[in-house]
PDB file of N, CA and C in Angstrom:
ATOM      1  N   UNK A   1     129.371 -77.300  17.624  1.00  0.00           N
ATOM      2  CA  UNK A   1     129.476 -75.932  17.185  1.00  0.00           C
ATOM      3  C   UNK A   1     128.213 -75.494  16.452  1.00  0.00           C
ATOM      4  N   UNK A   2     127.703 -76.329  15.542  1.00  0.00           N
ATOM      5  CA  UNK A   2     126.475 -76.021  14.825  1.00  0.00           C
ATOM      6  C   UNK A   2     125.316 -75.881  15.812  1.00  0.00           C
ATOM      7  N   UNK A   3     125.288 -76.768  16.811  1.00  0.00           N
ATOM      8  CA  UNK A   3     124.225 -76.721  17.809  1.00  0.00           C
ATOM      9  C   UNK A   3     124.242 -75.383  18.553  1.00  0.00           C
ATOM     10  N   UNK A   4     125.433 -74.890  18.898  1.00  0.00           N
ATOM     11  CA  UNK A   4     125.558 -73.612  19.597  1.00  0.00           C
ATOM     12  C   UNK A   4     125.103 -72.453  18.716  1.00  0.00           C
ATOM     13  N   UNK A   5     125.487 -72.485  17.453  1.00  0.00           N
ATOM     14  CA  UNK A   5     125.073 -71.424  16.526  1.00  0.00           C
ATOM     15  C   UNK A   5     123.561 -71.425  16.340  1.00  0.00           C
ATOM     16  N   UNK A   6     123.002 -72.628  16.221  1.00  0.00           N
ATOM     17  CA  UNK A   6     121.551 -72.719  16.034  1.00  0.00           C
ATOM     18  C   UNK A   6     120.810 -72.239  17.283  1.00  0.00           C
ATOM     19  N   UNK A   7     121.301 -72.593  18.458  1.00  0.00           N
ATOM     20  CA  UNK A   7     120.685 -72.141  19.705  1.00  0.00           C
ATOM     21  C   UNK A   7     120.768 -70.622  19.822  1.00  0.00           C
ATOM     22  N   UNK A   8     121.930 -70.055  19.532  1.00  0.00           N
ATOM     23  CA  UNK A   8     122.097 -68.603  19.593  1.00  0.00           C
ATOM     24  C   UNK A   8     121.172 -67.910  18.597  1.00  0.00           C
ATOM     25  N   UNK A   9     121.105 -68.442  17.398  1.00  0.00           N
ATOM     26  CA  UNK A   9     120.239 -67.857  16.374  1.00  0.00           C
ATOM     27  C   UNK A   9     118.774 -67.945  16.779  1.00  0.00           C
ATOM     28  N   UNK A  10     118.383 -69.041  17.407  1.00  0.00           N
ATOM     29  CA  UNK A  10     117.004 -69.195  17.842  1.00  0.00           C
ATOM     30  C   UNK A  10     116.648 -68.179  18.933  1.00  0.00           C
ATOM     31  N   UNK A  11     117.563 -67.947  19.868  1.00  0.00           N
ATOM     32  CA  UNK A  11     117.331 -66.963  20.935  1.00  0.00           C
ATOM     33  C   UNK A  11     117.152 -65.573  20.328  1.00  0.00           C
ATOM     34  N   UNK A  12     118.030 -65.220  19.390  1.00  0.00           N
ATOM     35  CA  UNK A  12     117.940 -63.911  18.740  1.00  0.00           C
ATOM     36  C   UNK A  12     116.659 -63.811  17.910  1.00  0.00           C
ATOM     37  N   UNK A  13     116.308 -64.883  17.197  1.00  0.00           N
ATOM     38  CA  UNK A  13     115.093 -64.872  16.377  1.00  0.00           C
ATOM     39  C   UNK A  13     113.853 -64.667  17.239  1.00  0.00           C
ATOM     40  N   UNK A  14     113.773 -65.347  18.375  1.00  0.00           N
ATOM     41  CA  UNK A  14     112.617 -65.178  19.262  1.00  0.00           C
ATOM     42  C   UNK A  14     112.513 -63.742  19.760  1.00  0.00           C
ATOM     43  N   UNK A  15     113.656 -63.137  20.106  1.00  0.00           N
ATOM     44  CA  UNK A  15     113.653 -61.744  20.553  1.00  0.00           C
ATOM     45  C   UNK A  15     113.240 -60.807  19.422  1.00  0.00           C
ATOM     46  N   UNK A  16     113.703 -61.094  18.220  1.00  0.00           N
ATOM     47  CA  UNK A  16     113.329 -60.282  17.057  1.00  0.00           C
ATOM     48  C   UNK A  16     111.829 -60.358  16.804  1.00  0.00           C
ATOM     49  N   UNK A  17     111.276 -61.567  16.814  1.00  0.00           N
ATOM     50  CA  UNK A  17     109.848 -61.727  16.564  1.00  0.00           C
ATOM     51  C   UNK A  17     109.021 -61.037  17.644  1.00  0.00           C
ATOM     52  N   UNK A  18     109.480 -61.100  18.889  1.00  0.00           N
ATOM     53  CA  UNK A  18     108.778 -60.414  19.981  1.00  0.00           C
ATOM     54  C   UNK A  18     108.811 -58.904  19.771  1.00  0.00           C
ATOM     55  N   UNK A  19     109.953 -58.384  19.347  1.00  0.00           N
ATOM     56  CA  UNK A  19     110.064 -56.942  19.097  1.00  0.00           C
ATOM     57  C   UNK A  19     109.160 -56.523  17.940  1.00  0.00           C
ATOM     58  N   UNK A  20     109.146 -57.306  16.868  1.00  0.00           N
ATOM     59  CA  UNK A  20     108.273 -56.997  15.730  1.00  0.00           C
ATOM     60  C   UNK A  20     106.804 -56.991  16.156  1.00  0.00           C
ATOM     61  N   UNK A  21     106.434 -57.988  16.940  1.00  0.00           N
ATOM     62  CA  UNK A  21     105.047 -58.088  17.405  1.00  0.00           C
ATOM     63  C   UNK A  21     104.688 -56.910  18.312  1.00  0.00           C
ATOM     64  N   UNK A  22     105.604 -56.508  19.183  1.00  0.00           N
ATOM     65  CA  UNK A  22     105.352 -55.395  20.091  1.00  0.00           C
ATOM     66  C   UNK A  22     105.191 -54.082  19.325  1.00  0.00           C
ATOM     67  N   UNK A  23     106.020 -53.881  18.318  1.00  0.00           N
ATOM     68  CA  UNK A  23     105.908 -52.658  17.524  1.00  0.00           C
ATOM     69  C   UNK A  23     104.578 -52.635  16.774  1.00  0.00           C
ATOM     70  N   UNK A  24     104.204 -53.759  16.176  1.00  0.00           N
ATOM     71  CA  UNK A  24     102.921 -53.824  15.471  1.00  0.00           C
ATOM     72  C   UNK A  24     101.754 -53.573  16.424  1.00  0.00           C
ATOM     73  N   UNK A  25     101.828 -54.122  17.628  1.00  0.00           N
ATOM     74  CA  UNK A  25     100.766 -53.906  18.614  1.00  0.00           C
ATOM     75  C   UNK A  25     100.712 -52.439  19.023  1.00  0.00           C
ATOM     76  N   UNK A  26     101.862 -51.814  19.191  1.00  0.00           N
ATOM     77  CA  UNK A  26     101.899 -50.395  19.558  1.00  0.00           C
ATOM     78  C   UNK A  26     101.316 -49.539  18.433  1.00  0.00           C
ATOM     79  N   UNK A  27     101.610 -49.888  17.191  1.00  0.00           N
ATOM     80  CA  UNK A  27     101.037 -49.157  16.056  1.00  0.00           C
ATOM     81  C   UNK A  27      99.518 -49.279  16.073  1.00  0.00           C
ATOM     82  N   UNK A  28      99.016 -50.489  16.255  1.00  0.00           N
ATOM     83  CA  UNK A  28      97.562 -50.708  16.262  1.00  0.00           C
ATOM     84  C   UNK A  28      96.892 -49.967  17.418  1.00  0.00           C
ATOM     85  N   UNK A  29      97.488 -50.016  18.591  1.00  0.00           N
ATOM     86  CA  UNK A  29      96.910 -49.336  19.753  1.00  0.00           C
ATOM     87  C   UNK A  29      96.916 -47.824  19.578  1.00  0.00           C
ATOM     88  N   UNK A  30      98.018 -47.302  19.056  1.00  0.00           N
ATOM     89  CA  UNK A  30      98.116 -45.856  18.871  1.00  0.00           C
ATOM     90  C   UNK A  30      97.183 -45.385  17.766  1.00  0.00           C
ATOM     91  N   UNK A  31      97.042 -46.181  16.729  1.00  0.00           N
ATOM     92  CA  UNK A  31      96.093 -45.844  15.660  1.00  0.00           C
ATOM     93  C   UNK A  31      94.670 -45.813  16.201  1.00  0.00           C
ATOM     94  N   UNK A  32      94.348 -46.773  17.057  1.00  0.00           N
ATOM     95  CA  UNK A  32      93.030 -46.799  17.676  1.00  0.00           C
ATOM     96  C   UNK A  32      92.803 -45.536  18.504  1.00  0.00           C
ATOM     97  N   UNK A  33      93.794 -45.179  19.310  1.00  0.00           N
ATOM     98  CA  UNK A  33      93.710 -43.968  20.127  1.00  0.00           C
ATOM     99  C   UNK A  33      93.530 -42.733  19.255  1.00  0.00           C
ATOM    100  N   UNK A  34      94.352 -42.595  18.229  1.00  0.00           N
ATOM    101  CA  UNK A  34      94.278 -41.431  17.348  1.00  0.00           C
ATOM    102  C   UNK A  34      92.928 -41.367  16.631  1.00  0.00           C
ATOM    103  N   UNK A  35      92.370 -42.513  16.304  1.00  0.00           N
ATOM    104  CA  UNK A  35      91.067 -42.544  15.652  1.00  0.00           C
ATOM    105  C   UNK A  35      89.919 -42.208  16.585  1.00  0.00           C
ATOM    106  N   UNK A  36      90.068 -42.568  17.842  1.00  0.00           N
ATOM    107  CA  UNK A  36      89.001 -42.302  18.816  1.00  0.00           C
ATOM    108  C   UNK A  36      88.921 -40.834  19.233  1.00  0.00           C
ATOM    109  N   UNK A  37      90.037 -40.166  19.302  1.00  0.00           N
ATOM    110  CA  UNK A  37      90.039 -38.790  19.824  1.00  0.00           C
ATOM    111  C   UNK A  37      89.118 -37.849  19.053  1.00  0.00           C
ATOM    112  N   UNK A  38      89.197 -37.780  17.732  1.00  0.00           N
ATOM    113  CA  UNK A  38      88.294 -36.857  17.032  1.00  0.00           C
ATOM    114  C   UNK A  38      86.818 -37.252  17.144  1.00  0.00           C
ATOM    115  N   UNK A  39      86.542 -38.537  17.038  1.00  0.00           N
ATOM    116  CA  UNK A  39      85.134 -38.958  17.072  1.00  0.00           C
ATOM    117  C   UNK A  39      84.515 -38.766  18.456  1.00  0.00           C
ATOM    118  N   UNK A  40      85.265 -39.062  19.499  1.00  0.00           N
ATOM    119  CA  UNK A  40      84.710 -38.861  20.852  1.00  0.00           C
ATOM    120  C   UNK A  40      84.576 -37.377  21.180  1.00  0.00           C
ATOM    121  N   UNK A  41      85.498 -36.557  20.646  1.00  0.00           N
ATOM    122  CA  UNK A  41      85.374 -35.109  20.839  1.00  0.00           C
ATOM    123  C   UNK A  41      84.110 -34.615  20.161  1.00  0.00           C
ATOM    124  N   UNK A  42      83.861 -35.097  18.940  1.00  0.00           N
ATOM    125  CA  UNK A  42      82.647 -34.691  18.227  1.00  0.00           C
ATOM    126  C   UNK A  42      81.394 -35.188  18.932  1.00  0.00           C
ATOM    127  N   UNK A  43      81.429 -36.432  19.400  1.00  0.00           N
ATOM    128  CA  UNK A  43      80.276 -36.986  20.118  1.00  0.00           C
ATOM    129  C   UNK A  43      79.939 -36.177  21.364  1.00  0.00           C
ATOM    130  N   UNK A  44      80.956 -35.576  21.982  1.00  0.00           N
ATOM    131  CA  UNK A  44      80.748 -34.771  23.186  1.00  0.00           C
ATOM    132  C   UNK A  44      80.462 -33.308  22.856  1.00  0.00           C
ATOM    133  N   UNK A  45      80.338 -33.001  21.567  1.00  0.00           N
ATOM    134  CA  UNK A  45      80.075 -31.631  21.115  1.00  0.00           C
ATOM    135  C   UNK A  45      81.102 -30.639  21.636  1.00  0.00           C
ATOM    136  N   UNK A  46      82.367 -31.014  21.574  1.00  0.00           N
ATOM    137  CA  UNK A  46      83.447 -30.145  22.029  1.00  0.00           C
ATOM    138  C   UNK A  46      84.096 -29.459  20.834  1.00  0.00           C
ATOM    139  N   UNK A  47      84.680 -28.323  21.084  1.00  0.00           N
ATOM    140  CA  UNK A  47      85.384 -27.560  20.057  1.00  0.00           C
ATOM    141  C   UNK A  47      86.542 -28.375  19.487  1.00  0.00           C
ATOM    142  N   UNK A  48      86.869 -28.115  18.232  1.00  0.00           N
ATOM    143  CA  UNK A  48      87.993 -28.790  17.583  1.00  0.00           C
ATOM    144  C   UNK A  48      89.317 -28.447  18.262  1.00  0.00           C
ATOM    145  N   UNK A  49      89.346 -27.357  18.978  1.00  0.00           N
ATOM    146  CA  UNK A  49      90.564 -26.950  19.685  1.00  0.00           C
ATOM    147  C   UNK A  49      90.878 -27.914  20.833  1.00  0.00           C
ATOM    148  N   UNK A  50      89.843 -28.464  21.425  1.00  0.00           N
ATOM    149  CA  UNK A  50      90.016 -29.377  22.559  1.00  0.00           C
ATOM    150  C   UNK A  50      90.722 -30.651  22.093  1.00  0.00           C
ATOM    151  N   UNK A  51      91.837 -30.934  22.713  1.00  0.00           N
ATOM    152  CA  UNK A  51      92.551 -32.166  22.435  1.00  0.00           C
ATOM    153  C   UNK A  51      93.425 -32.137  21.191  1.00  0.00           C
ATOM    154  N   UNK A  52      93.525 -30.982  20.526  1.00  0.00           N
ATOM    155  CA  UNK A  52      94.325 -30.909  19.299  1.00  0.00           C
ATOM    156  C   UNK A  52      95.777 -31.283  19.563  1.00  0.00           C
ATOM    157  N   UNK A  53      96.348 -30.762  20.639  1.00  0.00           N
ATOM    158  CA  UNK A  53      97.752 -31.088  20.950  1.00  0.00           C
ATOM    159  C   UNK A  53      97.926 -32.581  21.223  1.00  0.00           C
ATOM    160  N   UNK A  54      96.951 -33.177  21.907  1.00  0.00           N
ATOM    161  CA  UNK A  54      97.025 -34.609  22.186  1.00  0.00           C
ATOM    162  C   UNK A  54      96.925 -35.414  20.888  1.00  0.00           C
ATOM    163  N   UNK A  55      96.054 -34.989  19.983  1.00  0.00           N
ATOM    164  CA  UNK A  55      95.919 -35.679  18.699  1.00  0.00           C
ATOM    165  C   UNK A  55      97.214 -35.584  17.900  1.00  0.00           C
ATOM    166  N   UNK A  56      97.814 -34.415  17.871  1.00  0.00           N
ATOM    167  CA  UNK A  56      99.076 -34.245  17.141  1.00  0.00           C
ATOM    168  C   UNK A  56     100.178 -35.095  17.763  1.00  0.00           C
ATOM    169  N   UNK A  57     100.201 -35.189  19.077  1.00  0.00           N
ATOM    170  CA  UNK A  57     101.201 -36.034  19.740  1.00  0.00           C
ATOM    171  C   UNK A  57     100.991 -37.499  19.365  1.00  0.00           C
ATOM    172  N   UNK A  58      99.742 -37.946  19.288  1.00  0.00           N
ATOM    173  CA  UNK A  58      99.459 -39.329  18.892  1.00  0.00           C
ATOM    174  C   UNK A  58      99.895 -39.574  17.445  1.00  0.00           C
ATOM    175  N   UNK A  59      99.659 -38.590  16.587  1.00  0.00           N
ATOM    176  CA  UNK A  59     100.066 -38.716  15.187  1.00  0.00           C
ATOM    177  C   UNK A  59     101.586 -38.777  15.087  1.00  0.00           C
ATOM    178  N   UNK A  60     102.276 -37.953  15.866  1.00  0.00           N
ATOM    179  CA  UNK A  60     103.738 -37.994  15.879  1.00  0.00           C
ATOM    180  C   UNK A  60     104.242 -39.335  16.421  1.00  0.00           C
ATOM    181  N   UNK A  61     103.523 -39.882  17.384  1.00  0.00           N
ATOM    182  CA  UNK A  61     103.871 -41.202  17.907  1.00  0.00           C
ATOM    183  C   UNK A  61     103.732 -42.256  16.812  1.00  0.00           C
ATOM    184  N   UNK A  62     102.670 -42.150  16.021  1.00  0.00           N
ATOM    185  CA  UNK A  62     102.484 -43.085  14.901  1.00  0.00           C
ATOM    186  C   UNK A  62     103.656 -42.994  13.930  1.00  0.00           C
ATOM    187  N   UNK A  63     104.096 -41.761  13.663  1.00  0.00           N
ATOM    188  CA  UNK A  63     105.229 -41.585  12.757  1.00  0.00           C
ATOM    189  C   UNK A  63     106.484 -42.236  13.341  1.00  0.00           C
ATOM    190  N   UNK A  64     106.722 -42.016  14.628  1.00  0.00           N
ATOM    191  CA  UNK A  64     107.888 -42.617  15.280  1.00  0.00           C
ATOM    192  C   UNK A  64     107.794 -44.146  15.260  1.00  0.00           C
ATOM    193  N   UNK A  65     106.597 -44.672  15.483  1.00  0.00           N
ATOM    194  CA  UNK A  65     106.415 -46.123  15.435  1.00  0.00           C
ATOM    195  C   UNK A  65     106.612 -46.664  14.024  1.00  0.00           C
ATOM    196  N   UNK A  66     106.221 -45.885  13.028  1.00  0.00           N
ATOM    197  CA  UNK A  66     106.471 -46.279  11.641  1.00  0.00           C
ATOM    198  C   UNK A  66     107.964 -46.384  11.371  1.00  0.00           C
ATOM    199  N   UNK A  67     108.727 -45.427  11.896  1.00  0.00           N
ATOM    200  CA  UNK A  67     110.183 -45.493  11.751  1.00  0.00           C
ATOM    201  C   UNK A  67     110.743 -46.687  12.529  1.00  0.00           C
ATOM    202  N   UNK A  68     110.200 -46.937  13.700  1.00  0.00           N
ATOM    203  CA  UNK A  68     110.653 -48.086  14.488  1.00  0.00           C
ATOM    204  C   UNK A  68     110.397 -49.386  13.727  1.00  0.00           C
ATOM    205  N   UNK A  69     109.237 -49.475  13.091  1.00  0.00           N
ATOM    206  CA  UNK A  69     108.909 -50.690  12.335  1.00  0.00           C
ATOM    207  C   UNK A  69     109.856 -50.857  11.143  1.00  0.00           C
ATOM    208  N   UNK A  70     110.125 -49.742  10.464  1.00  0.00           N
ATOM    209  CA  UNK A  70     111.063 -49.790   9.343  1.00  0.00           C
ATOM    210  C   UNK A  70     112.442 -50.250   9.820  1.00  0.00           C
ATOM    211  N   UNK A  71     112.867 -49.751  10.970  1.00  0.00           N
ATOM    212  CA  UNK A  71     114.174 -50.128  11.503  1.00  0.00           C
ATOM    213  C   UNK A  71     114.215 -51.584  11.942  1.00  0.00           C
ATOM    214  N   UNK A  72     113.120 -52.105  12.507  1.00  0.00           N
ATOM    215  CA  UNK A  72     113.126 -53.509  12.923  1.00  0.00           C
ATOM    216  C   UNK A  72     113.106 -54.408  11.678  1.00  0.00           C
ATOM    217  N   UNK A  73     112.483 -53.949  10.596  1.00  0.00           N
ATOM    218  CA  UNK A  73     112.527 -54.701   9.337  1.00  0.00           C
ATOM    219  C   UNK A  73     113.955 -54.725   8.795  1.00  0.00           C
ATOM    220  N   UNK A  74     114.660 -53.589   8.868  1.00  0.00           N
ATOM    221  CA  UNK A  74     116.070 -53.569   8.459  1.00  0.00           C
ATOM    222  C   UNK A  74     116.895 -54.496   9.352  1.00  0.00           C
ATOM    223  N   UNK A  75     116.609 -54.483  10.641  1.00  0.00           N
ATOM    224  CA  UNK A  75     117.294 -55.384  11.567  1.00  0.00           C
ATOM    225  C   UNK A  75     117.080 -56.826  11.141  1.00  0.00           C
ATOM    226  N   UNK A  76     115.839 -57.164  10.812  1.00  0.00           N
ATOM    227  CA  UNK A  76     115.495 -58.518  10.369  1.00  0.00           C
ATOM    228  C   UNK A  76     116.313 -58.892   9.124  1.00  0.00           C
ATOM    229  N   UNK A  77     116.372 -57.967   8.168  1.00  0.00           N
ATOM    230  CA  UNK A  77     117.130 -58.249   6.938  1.00  0.00           C
ATOM    231  C   UNK A  77     118.610 -58.470   7.245  1.00  0.00           C
ATOM    232  N   UNK A  78     119.171 -57.636   8.122  1.00  0.00           N
ATOM    233  CA  UNK A  78     120.583 -57.790   8.473  1.00  0.00           C
ATOM    234  C   UNK A  78     120.833 -59.097   9.220  1.00  0.00           C
ATOM    235  N   UNK A  79     119.899 -59.480  10.065  1.00  0.00           N
ATOM    236  CA  UNK A  79     120.042 -60.753  10.777  1.00  0.00           C
ATOM    237  C   UNK A  79     119.925 -61.931   9.810  1.00  0.00           C
ATOM    238  N   UNK A  80     119.147 -61.780   8.750  1.00  0.00           N
ATOM    239  CA  UNK A  80     119.066 -62.831   7.736  1.00  0.00           C
ATOM    240  C   UNK A  80     120.422 -63.014   7.047  1.00  0.00           C
ATOM    241  N   UNK A  81     121.121 -61.904   6.837  1.00  0.00           N
ATOM    242  CA  UNK A  81     122.468 -61.982   6.257  1.00  0.00           C
ATOM    243  C   UNK A  81     123.402 -62.686   7.245  1.00  0.00           C
ATOM    244  N   UNK A  82     123.312 -62.299   8.523  1.00  0.00           N
ATOM    245  CA  UNK A  82     124.151 -62.944   9.545  1.00  0.00           C
ATOM    246  C   UNK A  82     123.830 -64.429   9.631  1.00  0.00           C
ATOM    247  N   UNK A  83     122.559 -64.795   9.494  1.00  0.00           N
ATOM    248  CA  UNK A  83     122.157 -66.199   9.514  1.00  0.00           C
ATOM    249  C   UNK A  83     122.872 -66.958   8.401  1.00  0.00           C
ATOM    250  N   UNK A  84     122.899 -66.369   7.226  1.00  0.00           N
ATOM    251  CA  UNK A  84     123.602 -67.000   6.102  1.00  0.00           C
ATOM    252  C   UNK A  84     125.102 -67.073   6.386  1.00  0.00           C
ATOM    253  N   UNK A  85     125.646 -65.982   6.955  1.00  0.00           N
ATOM    254  CA  UNK A  85     127.092 -65.923   7.216  1.00  0.00           C
ATOM    255  C   UNK A  85     127.564 -66.990   8.201  1.00  0.00           C
ATOM    256  N   UNK A  86     126.680 -67.412   9.116  1.00  0.00           N
ATOM    257  CA  UNK A  86     127.084 -68.437  10.085  1.00  0.00           C
ATOM    258  C   UNK A  86     126.656 -69.839   9.663  1.00  0.00           C
ATOM    259  N   UNK A  87     126.229 -69.965   8.409  1.00  0.00           N
ATOM    260  CA  UNK A  87     125.934 -71.286   7.858  1.00  0.00           C
ATOM    261  C   UNK A  87     124.566 -71.836   8.193  1.00  0.00           C
ATOM    262  N   UNK A  88     123.614 -70.947   8.504  1.00  0.00           N
ATOM    263  CA  UNK A  88     122.271 -71.424   8.859  1.00  0.00           C
ATOM    264  C   UNK A  88     121.209 -70.962   7.864  1.00  0.00           C
ATOM    265  N   UNK A  89     121.598 -70.732   6.631  1.00  0.00           N
ATOM    266  CA  UNK A  89     120.634 -70.212   5.656  1.00  0.00           C
ATOM    267  C   UNK A  89     119.500 -71.193   5.358  1.00  0.00           C
ATOM    268  N   UNK A  90     119.733 -72.469   5.550  1.00  0.00           N
ATOM    269  CA  UNK A  90     118.695 -73.468   5.281  1.00  0.00           C
ATOM    270  C   UNK A  90     117.755 -73.656   6.462  1.00  0.00           C
ATOM    271  N   UNK A  91     118.055 -73.005   7.598  1.00  0.00           N
ATOM    272  CA  UNK A  91     117.246 -73.162   8.803  1.00  0.00           C
ATOM    273  C   UNK A  91     116.178 -72.085   8.833  1.00  0.00           C
ATOM    274  N   UNK A  92     114.945 -72.501   9.126  1.00  0.00           N
ATOM    275  CA  UNK A  92     113.831 -71.560   9.222  1.00  0.00           C
ATOM    276  C   UNK A  92     113.505 -71.311  10.687  1.00  0.00           C
ATOM    277  N   UNK A  93     113.316 -70.044  11.032  1.00  0.00           N
ATOM    278  CA  UNK A  93     112.961 -69.676  12.401  1.00  0.00           C
ATOM    279  C   UNK A  93     111.572 -69.059  12.377  1.00  0.00           C
ATOM    280  N   UNK A  94     110.808 -69.297  13.435  1.00  0.00           N
ATOM    281  CA  UNK A  94     109.468 -68.726  13.519  1.00  0.00           C
ATOM    282  C   UNK A  94     108.482 -69.495  12.686  1.00  0.00           C
ATOM    283  N   UNK A  95     107.257 -68.988  12.656  1.00  0.00           N
ATOM    284  CA  UNK A  95     106.202 -69.662  11.901  1.00  0.00           C
ATOM    285  C   UNK A  95     105.341 -68.660  11.150  1.00  0.00           C
ATOM    286  N   UNK A  96     105.964 -67.587  10.679  1.00  0.00           N
ATOM    287  CA  UNK A  96     105.218 -66.541   9.984  1.00  0.00           C
ATOM    288  C   UNK A  96     105.059 -66.808   8.497  1.00  0.00           C
ATOM    289  N   UNK A  97     105.472 -67.966   8.043  1.00  0.00           N
ATOM    290  CA  UNK A  97     105.359 -68.278   6.622  1.00  0.00           C
ATOM    291  C   UNK A  97     106.591 -67.844   5.866  1.00  0.00           C
ATOM    292  N   UNK A  98     106.524 -68.010   4.569  1.00  0.00           N
ATOM    293  CA  UNK A  98     107.666 -67.666   3.725  1.00  0.00           C
ATOM    294  C   UNK A  98     107.856 -66.163   3.654  1.00  0.00           C
ATOM    295  N   UNK A  99     109.117 -65.748   3.607  1.00  0.00           N
ATOM    296  CA  UNK A  99     109.435 -64.338   3.420  1.00  0.00           C
ATOM    297  C   UNK A  99     109.255 -64.002   1.944  1.00  0.00           C
ATOM    298  N   UNK A 100     108.775 -62.793   1.668  1.00  0.00           N
ATOM    299  CA  UNK A 100     108.725 -62.400   0.262  1.00  0.00           C
ATOM    300  C   UNK A 100     110.139 -62.231  -0.258  1.00  0.00           C
ATOM    301  N   UNK A 101     110.346 -62.481  -1.540  1.00  0.00           N
ATOM    302  CA  UNK A 101     111.699 -62.326  -2.077  1.00  0.00           C
ATOM    303  C   UNK A 101     112.130 -60.864  -2.024  1.00  0.00           C
ATOM    304  N   UNK A 102     113.409 -60.648  -1.785  1.00  0.00           N
ATOM    305  CA  UNK A 102     113.940 -59.292  -1.812  1.00  0.00           C
ATOM    306  C   UNK A 102     114.013 -58.844  -3.260  1.00  0.00           C
ATOM    307  N   UNK A 103     113.685 -57.575  -3.505  1.00  0.00           N
ATOM    308  CA  UNK A 103     113.760 -57.105  -4.891  1.00  0.00           C
ATOM    309  C   UNK A 103     115.207 -57.097  -5.363  1.00  0.00           C
ATOM    310  N   UNK A 104     115.382 -57.404  -6.609  1.00  0.00           N
ATOM    311  CA  UNK A 104     116.717 -57.379  -7.208  1.00  0.00           C
ATOM    312  C   UNK A 104     117.174 -55.926  -7.303  1.00  0.00           C
ATOM    313  N   UNK A 105     118.396 -55.671  -6.934  1.00  0.00           N
ATOM    314  CA  UNK A 105     118.941 -54.326  -7.059  1.00  0.00           C
ATOM    315  C   UNK A 105     120.160 -54.367  -7.956  1.00  0.00           C
ATOM    316  N   UNK A 106     120.267 -53.358  -8.790  1.00  0.00           N
ATOM    317  CA  UNK A 106     121.398 -53.276  -9.706  1.00  0.00           C
ATOM    318  C   UNK A 106     122.363 -52.175  -9.296  1.00  0.00           C
ATOM    319  N   UNK A 107     121.937 -51.305  -8.376  1.00  0.00           N
ATOM    320  CA  UNK A 107     122.763 -50.175  -7.999  1.00  0.00           C
ATOM    321  C   UNK A 107     122.606 -49.015  -8.967  1.00  0.00           C
ATOM    322  N   UNK A 108     121.703 -49.144  -9.897  1.00  0.00           N
ATOM    323  CA  UNK A 108     121.461 -48.093 -10.886  1.00  0.00           C
ATOM    324  C   UNK A 108     120.007 -47.660 -10.834  1.00  0.00           C
ATOM    325  N   UNK A 109     119.783 -46.411 -11.158  1.00  0.00           N
ATOM    326  CA  UNK A 109     118.413 -45.923 -11.267  1.00  0.00           C
ATOM    327  C   UNK A 109     117.805 -46.451 -12.552  1.00  0.00           C
ATOM    328  N   UNK A 110     116.524 -46.735 -12.508  1.00  0.00           N
ATOM    329  CA  UNK A 110     115.837 -47.230 -13.687  1.00  0.00           C
ATOM    330  C   UNK A 110     114.587 -46.410 -13.925  1.00  0.00           C
ATOM    331  N   UNK A 111     114.202 -46.289 -15.180  1.00  0.00           N
ATOM    332  CA  UNK A 111     112.965 -45.597 -15.529  1.00  0.00           C
ATOM    333  C   UNK A 111     111.827 -46.571 -15.338  1.00  0.00           C
ATOM    334  N   UNK A 112     110.827 -46.128 -14.616  1.00  0.00           N
ATOM    335  CA  UNK A 112     109.667 -46.964 -14.346  1.00  0.00           C
ATOM    336  C   UNK A 112     108.495 -46.380 -15.108  1.00  0.00           C
ATOM    337  N   UNK A 113     107.830 -47.234 -15.867  1.00  0.00           N
ATOM    338  CA  UNK A 113     106.674 -46.770 -16.617  1.00  0.00           C
ATOM    339  C   UNK A 113     105.411 -47.166 -15.886  1.00  0.00           C
ATOM    340  N   UNK A 114     104.420 -46.353 -16.006  1.00  0.00           N
ATOM    341  CA  UNK A 114     103.149 -46.637 -15.360  1.00  0.00           C
ATOM    342  C   UNK A 114     102.337 -47.544 -16.263  1.00  0.00           C
ATOM    343  N   UNK A 115     101.731 -48.563 -15.637  1.00  0.00           N
ATOM    344  CA  UNK A 115     100.888 -49.489 -16.402  1.00  0.00           C
ATOM    345  C   UNK A 115      99.418 -49.165 -16.203  1.00  0.00           C
ATOM    346  N   UNK A 116      99.149 -48.043 -15.540  1.00  0.00           N
ATOM    347  CA  UNK A 116      97.754 -47.661 -15.319  1.00  0.00           C
ATOM    348  C   UNK A 116      97.134 -47.200 -16.620  1.00  0.00           C
ATOM    349  N   UNK A 117      95.869 -47.529 -16.742  1.00  0.00           N
ATOM    350  CA  UNK A 117      95.133 -47.035 -17.908  1.00  0.00           C
ATOM    351  C   UNK A 117      94.142 -45.988 -17.450  1.00  0.00           C
ATOM    352  N   UNK A 118      93.892 -45.026 -18.283  1.00  0.00           N
ATOM    353  CA  UNK A 118      92.941 -43.963 -17.930  1.00  0.00           C
ATOM    354  C   UNK A 118      91.539 -44.542 -17.907  1.00  0.00           C
ATOM    355  N   UNK A 119      90.786 -44.153 -16.903  1.00  0.00           N
ATOM    356  CA  UNK A 119      89.423 -44.672 -16.793  1.00  0.00           C
ATOM    357  C   UNK A 119      88.452 -43.763 -17.483  1.00  0.00           C
TER     358      UNK A 119
END
């Protein structure tokens, strides 16, 4: 039974890591595209009007990919809970290193003070 749970968890973990990697790659590619459009337009001495709609679409794509990344991170967190629920909390999947600790939540709002000093 443990072997089956571990195998199932490993299959899901591999799919999760692939999805995370694909989203990150899409963000990087789209950022590259969005960065190239204004500079290549300027290099070609074209009006700022040229390609504006395409640039805005790329920016909107970046926003959508940002939401996708946030959602896959939430998926990862929920799967970590499921991992614990099926008795595999001591098992590590992937090779991305240690996860950062989740922040402690109290369910209450707290006043946060700034530690910045004026320069």
